[in-house]
Amino acid sequence: MRGVVLAGAAVTLGLAACGGVGRPPTVVDKIKDTGTVVVGTKWDQPGLALRTGSGDPQGFDVDVARYLVRHLSGGAKVAITWRESPSSTRESLLQNGTVDLIVASYSITESRKPKVTFGGPYVIVSQDTMVRAGDTRIRHVSDLRGKRICLAEGSNSYRRIVDPPPDGKLDLPAQLVPAVNYSACVRKLADNLLDAVSTENLALAGYVEREPGRFRLLNEPISDEQWGVGLKQGDAETCAAVNRAITAMWRDGTADRLLRKWFGRSHLTLPQGPPRSAGCP
């Protein structure tokens, strides 16, 4: 009988180590139990998350992710594995467990909430539009009527231009030109294969800074977008921990410092103050 009791206790302890009886393990559990985490970011967006060579990606989203992971671990050292997470695969990467969390200019939208639990937002940014610097036909967003606009796979930014409310904002007819990601959009813009790329201004600012004089922003906000931290659906515990970490990041000045570090030369009006939490399920 004693052996049975001990075996039962061992099972109970094992379950506790893996997230507790009746509760699936969370990202916080994994970080604390294994000292490892897999973080998804973009790898092609200068200023946000750009990977060159064999090193880690670099940018605002990457630095935010590092801060959040350090907070989730309670300050303990964590080995981060970076995984490229383009817009078109973010949901599937979370659902199949390839990544533990995603920090990748991931807008919190009603259509995504049934598939993703979002922590945050960690920043609120405006959607703007980028055109070729010498294209005098497009000065205002209303000039996008009938123009060729990029449709980056997995992104919904184009909808705010072409769809009517409530999903869209402008309800402008336009020709949609598909591309696999925003870097491909920018290459097509440079090659005159489309007329405009529209998404959040922090994402566009990195491309403007990388090639000075080639592109320009209209500086006419279309909407304000909330960038959240993507988690597997139902991980409310990690969501709450992420929200506490985001509050700390703004309170201790890290968020302001990182925004200035990566976008201080962009002449954009940078986000000011912590965004209101969207809550956890």
Protein backbone atom coordinates (compact mmCIF):
# COMPACT_ATOMS: atom_id res chain seq x y z
CA MET A 1 0.00 0.00 0.00
CA ARG A 2 2.85 2.35 0.85
CA GLY A 3 4.26 1.86 -2.66
CA VAL A 4 0.91 2.76 -4.17
CA VAL A 5 0.73 5.94 -2.11
CA LEU A 6 4.24 6.95 -3.12
CA ALA A 7 3.53 6.25 -6.77
CA GLY A 8 0.38 8.36 -6.60
CA ALA A 9 2.32 11.17 -4.99
CA ALA A 10 4.92 11.00 -7.74
CA VAL A 11 2.21 11.28 -10.39
CA THR A 12 0.70 14.26 -8.58
CA LEU A 13 4.08 15.97 -8.39
CA GLY A 14 4.69 15.26 -12.06
CA LEU A 15 1.36 16.80 -13.00
CA ALA A 16 2.10 19.86 -10.89
CA ALA A 17 5.43 20.32 -12.63
CA CYS A 18 3.67 20.25 -15.98
CA GLY A 19 1.02 22.82 -15.16
CA GLY A 20 -1.10 21.22 -12.45
CA VAL A 21 -3.93 18.74 -12.26
CA GLY A 22 -6.59 19.47 -14.85
CA ARG A 23 -4.71 22.42 -16.33
CA PRO A 24 -2.56 22.25 -19.47
CA PRO A 25 0.96 23.66 -19.13
CA THR A 26 1.32 27.35 -19.89
CA VAL A 27 4.16 29.34 -21.43
CA VAL A 28 5.01 30.59 -17.93
CA ASP A 29 5.26 26.95 -16.77
CA LYS A 30 7.59 26.08 -19.63
CA ILE A 31 9.86 29.07 -19.01
CA LYS A 32 10.17 28.36 -15.29
CA ASP A 33 10.48 24.57 -15.65
CA THR A 34 12.88 24.38 -18.61
CA GLY A 35 14.51 27.79 -18.88
CA THR A 36 13.67 27.84 -22.59
CA VAL A 37 11.11 29.52 -24.84
CA VAL A 38 10.43 29.81 -28.57
CA VAL A 39 9.52 33.33 -29.68
CA GLY A 40 8.08 34.17 -33.08
CA THR A 41 8.92 37.46 -34.80
CA LYS A 42 9.11 38.79 -38.31
CA TRP A 43 12.58 38.51 -39.84
CA ASP A 44 12.18 40.94 -42.72
CA GLN A 45 11.11 44.25 -41.16
CA PRO A 46 13.86 46.81 -40.45
CA GLY A 47 13.37 48.58 -37.15
CA LEU A 48 10.96 45.92 -35.88
CA ALA A 49 12.61 42.55 -36.46
CA LEU A 50 15.25 42.07 -39.12
CA ARG A 51 17.53 39.05 -39.34
CA THR A 52 20.72 39.30 -41.33
CA GLY A 53 23.14 36.41 -41.64
CA SER A 54 22.96 33.72 -38.98
CA GLY A 55 22.47 35.98 -35.96
CA ASP A 56 19.36 36.75 -33.96
CA PRO A 57 16.81 39.17 -35.39
CA GLN A 58 17.15 42.76 -34.24
CA GLY A 59 14.55 45.47 -33.70
CA PHE A 60 11.87 46.94 -31.47
CA ASP A 61 9.69 43.82 -31.37
CA VAL A 62 12.71 41.66 -30.57
CA ASP A 63 13.74 43.88 -27.67
CA VAL A 64 10.17 43.95 -26.36
CA ALA A 65 10.06 40.14 -26.50
CA ARG A 66 13.34 39.88 -24.57
CA TYR A 67 11.98 42.17 -21.86
CA LEU A 68 8.74 40.21 -21.56
CA VAL A 69 10.50 36.85 -21.35
CA ARG A 70 12.84 38.14 -18.64
CA HIS A 71 9.81 39.34 -16.67
CA LEU A 72 7.94 36.05 -17.14
CA SER A 73 10.94 34.13 -15.81
CA GLY A 74 11.17 36.27 -12.69
CA GLY A 75 14.59 37.49 -13.79
CA ALA A 76 16.09 34.05 -14.35
CA LYS A 77 18.18 33.40 -17.45
CA VAL A 78 16.13 31.99 -20.33
CA ALA A 79 17.40 30.54 -23.62
CA ILE A 80 15.33 32.09 -26.42
CA THR A 81 14.95 30.34 -29.75
CA TRP A 82 13.79 32.78 -32.43
CA ARG A 83 11.40 31.52 -35.06
CA GLU A 84 10.36 33.42 -38.17
CA SER A 85 6.61 34.07 -38.00
CA PRO A 86 5.27 35.80 -41.12
CA SER A 87 1.74 37.16 -41.08
CA SER A 88 0.40 34.23 -43.06
CA THR A 89 1.47 31.56 -40.53
CA ARG A 90 1.18 33.22 -37.12
CA GLU A 91 -2.04 31.47 -36.06
CA SER A 92 -0.92 28.02 -37.20
CA LEU A 93 2.48 28.35 -35.49
CA LEU A 94 0.74 29.05 -32.19
CA GLN A 95 -1.89 26.36 -32.63
CA ASN A 96 0.57 23.58 -33.45
CA GLY A 97 3.01 24.57 -30.71
CA THR A 98 5.90 25.52 -32.98
CA VAL A 99 6.21 28.81 -31.10
CA ASP A 100 5.28 29.68 -27.51
CA LEU A 101 4.51 33.34 -28.10
CA ILE A 102 4.59 35.81 -30.97
CA VAL A 103 5.70 39.45 -30.93
CA ALA A 104 5.42 40.43 -34.57
CA SER A 105 3.42 43.62 -35.24
CA TYR A 106 0.39 41.43 -34.48
CA SER A 107 -2.76 43.56 -34.47
CA ILE A 108 -5.46 42.52 -32.01
CA THR A 109 -8.63 42.08 -34.08
CA GLU A 110 -12.02 40.53 -33.42
CA SER A 111 -11.54 38.06 -36.27
CA ARG A 112 -8.32 36.72 -34.70
CA LYS A 113 -9.55 36.42 -31.10
CA PRO A 114 -11.32 33.06 -31.64
CA LYS A 115 -7.97 31.58 -32.72
CA VAL A 116 -5.43 33.46 -30.56
CA THR A 117 -5.23 34.67 -26.97
CA PHE A 118 -3.67 38.13 -26.99
CA GLY A 119 -1.67 39.72 -24.22
CA GLY A 120 -1.39 43.47 -24.32
CA PRO A 121 -1.46 45.57 -26.36
CA TYR A 122 2.14 46.60 -25.76
CA VAL A 123 1.88 49.60 -28.08
CA ILE A 124 -0.76 51.37 -30.18
CA VAL A 125 0.36 52.53 -33.61
CA SER A 126 -1.26 54.33 -36.52
CA GLN A 127 -1.73 52.80 -39.95
CA ASP A 128 -0.12 55.01 -42.58
CA THR A 129 0.75 54.70 -46.27
CA MET A 130 4.11 54.66 -48.04
CA VAL A 131 4.62 55.66 -51.67
CA ARG A 132 7.60 56.34 -53.93
CA ALA A 133 9.16 59.66 -53.02
CA GLY A 134 8.74 61.07 -56.52
CA ASP A 135 5.13 59.97 -57.05
CA THR A 136 3.29 63.30 -57.01
CA ARG A 137 -0.06 61.67 -57.85
CA ILE A 138 -0.51 60.48 -54.26
CA ARG A 139 -0.47 63.18 -51.60
CA HIS A 140 -3.45 62.11 -49.48
CA VAL A 141 -5.14 58.82 -48.68
CA SER A 142 -8.07 59.84 -50.89
CA ASP A 143 -5.63 59.72 -53.82
CA LEU A 144 -5.43 55.94 -53.38
CA ARG A 145 -8.71 55.55 -55.25
CA GLY A 146 -8.08 53.24 -58.20
CA LYS A 147 -4.39 52.80 -57.36
CA ARG A 148 -2.43 49.55 -56.99
CA ILE A 149 -2.18 48.67 -53.29
CA CYS A 150 -0.18 45.81 -51.81
CA LEU A 151 -1.95 42.85 -50.22
CA ALA A 152 0.61 41.19 -47.96
CA GLU A 153 -0.31 37.57 -47.31
CA GLY A 154 -1.92 37.13 -43.89
CA SER A 155 -2.24 40.86 -43.19
CA ASN A 156 -5.54 42.73 -43.01
CA SER A 157 -4.16 46.28 -43.36
CA TYR A 158 -5.44 46.62 -46.92
CA ARG A 159 -9.00 46.08 -45.70
CA ARG A 160 -8.98 49.41 -43.90
CA ILE A 161 -8.58 51.09 -47.28
CA VAL A 162 -10.85 49.06 -49.54
CA ASP A 163 -13.58 47.72 -47.22
CA PRO A 164 -16.59 49.69 -45.99
CA PRO A 165 -17.16 50.14 -42.24
CA PRO A 166 -17.19 48.49 -39.79
CA ASP A 167 -14.31 46.29 -41.07
CA GLY A 168 -12.79 49.02 -43.22
CA LYS A 169 -12.29 52.75 -42.91
CA LEU A 170 -12.08 54.38 -46.37
CA ASP A 171 -14.14 52.15 -48.72
CA LEU A 172 -11.96 53.12 -51.69
CA PRO A 173 -11.88 51.03 -54.88
CA ALA A 174 -8.34 49.85 -55.55
CA GLN A 175 -6.38 47.18 -57.39
CA LEU A 176 -4.90 44.70 -54.92
CA VAL A 177 -1.43 43.37 -55.75
CA PRO A 178 -0.50 40.24 -53.75
CA ALA A 179 2.89 39.74 -52.08
CA VAL A 180 4.24 37.17 -49.64
CA ASN A 181 5.21 39.78 -47.02
CA TYR A 182 5.85 43.50 -46.60
CA SER A 183 9.44 43.33 -47.79
CA ALA A 184 8.10 41.92 -51.05
CA CYS A 185 5.56 44.76 -51.09
CA VAL A 186 8.36 47.29 -50.77
CA ARG A 187 10.36 45.69 -53.59
CA LYS A 188 7.30 45.83 -55.83
CA LEU A 189 6.77 49.46 -54.88
CA ALA A 190 10.37 50.27 -55.79
CA ASP A 191 9.96 48.47 -59.13
CA ASN A 192 6.76 50.38 -59.95
CA LEU A 193 4.69 47.19 -59.81
CA LEU A 194 2.32 48.85 -57.35
CA ASP A 195 1.61 52.37 -56.10
CA ALA A 196 1.31 52.18 -52.32
CA VAL A 197 2.03 50.05 -49.27
CA SER A 198 -0.20 50.67 -46.28
CA THR A 199 0.31 49.24 -42.80
CA GLU A 200 1.35 50.47 -39.35
CA ASN A 201 3.66 53.48 -39.46
CA LEU A 202 6.41 51.94 -37.30
CA ALA A 203 6.74 49.12 -39.82
CA LEU A 204 6.89 51.53 -42.76
CA ALA A 205 9.34 53.88 -41.00
CA GLY A 206 12.02 51.17 -41.01
CA TYR A 207 11.87 50.90 -44.80
CA VAL A 208 11.96 54.69 -45.22
CA GLU A 209 15.05 54.95 -43.01
CA ARG A 210 16.83 52.07 -44.72
CA GLU A 211 16.63 53.74 -48.15
CA PRO A 212 16.60 57.51 -47.56
CA GLY A 213 15.03 59.52 -50.36
CA ARG A 214 13.41 56.54 -52.07
CA PHE A 215 10.09 56.40 -50.23
CA ARG A 216 7.91 58.75 -48.20
CA LEU A 217 5.00 58.43 -45.80
CA LEU A 218 1.77 60.31 -46.34
CA ASN A 219 1.56 61.00 -42.58
CA GLU A 220 -2.22 60.62 -42.74
CA PRO A 221 -3.30 58.05 -40.15
CA ILE A 222 -6.04 55.69 -41.30
CA SER A 223 -6.63 53.91 -38.00
CA ASP A 224 -5.02 53.10 -34.67
CA GLU A 225 -3.94 49.48 -34.29
CA GLN A 226 -3.20 47.58 -31.09
CA TRP A 227 -0.15 45.33 -31.29
CA GLY A 228 -0.54 42.34 -29.00
CA VAL A 229 1.49 39.34 -27.88
CA GLY A 230 0.08 36.21 -29.52
CA LEU A 231 -0.41 33.15 -27.30
CA LYS A 232 -2.04 29.78 -27.79
CA GLN A 233 -5.80 30.04 -27.39
CA GLY A 234 -6.84 29.75 -23.75
CA ASP A 235 -3.50 30.51 -22.05
CA ALA A 236 -5.03 33.10 -19.71
CA GLU A 237 -2.32 32.69 -17.06
CA THR A 238 0.48 33.71 -19.43
CA CYS A 239 -1.74 36.46 -20.86
CA ALA A 240 -2.13 38.00 -17.39
CA ALA A 241 1.61 37.68 -16.75
CA VAL A 242 2.38 39.34 -20.09
CA ASN A 243 0.07 42.22 -19.22
CA ARG A 244 1.87 42.74 -15.91
CA ALA A 245 5.19 42.73 -17.77
CA ILE A 246 3.92 45.31 -20.27
CA THR A 247 2.80 47.57 -17.43
CA ALA A 248 6.28 47.28 -15.90
CA MET A 249 7.93 47.99 -19.26
CA TRP A 250 6.10 51.31 -19.57
CA ARG A 251 6.45 52.19 -15.89
CA ASP A 252 10.23 51.77 -15.78
CA GLY A 253 10.79 53.73 -19.01
CA THR A 254 11.92 50.78 -21.14
CA ALA A 255 9.12 51.18 -23.69
CA ASP A 256 9.94 54.85 -24.30
CA ARG A 257 13.65 54.06 -24.53
CA LEU A 258 13.10 51.30 -27.10
CA LEU A 259 10.80 53.45 -29.22
CA ARG A 260 13.43 56.20 -29.31
CA LYS A 261 16.20 53.70 -29.97
CA TRP A 262 14.56 52.25 -33.07
CA PHE A 263 12.39 55.11 -34.37
CA GLY A 264 13.80 58.29 -32.86
CA ARG A 265 15.12 59.48 -36.24
CA SER A 266 11.92 58.78 -38.14
CA HIS A 267 10.21 62.13 -37.37
CA LEU A 268 7.07 60.19 -36.43
CA THR A 269 5.02 61.11 -33.39
CA LEU A 270 5.87 58.11 -31.25
CA PRO A 271 3.35 56.41 -28.96
CA GLN A 272 3.10 58.09 -25.57
CA GLY A 273 2.10 56.30 -22.40
CA PRO A 274 0.96 52.74 -21.75
CA PRO A 275 -2.00 51.42 -23.75
CA ARG A 276 -5.04 50.15 -21.91
CA SER A 277 -5.03 46.37 -21.53
CA ALA A 278 -7.45 44.45 -23.73
CA GLY A 279 -7.92 41.93 -20.90
CA CYS A 280 -7.53 38.15 -20.86
CA PRO A 281 -10.11 35.40 -21.45
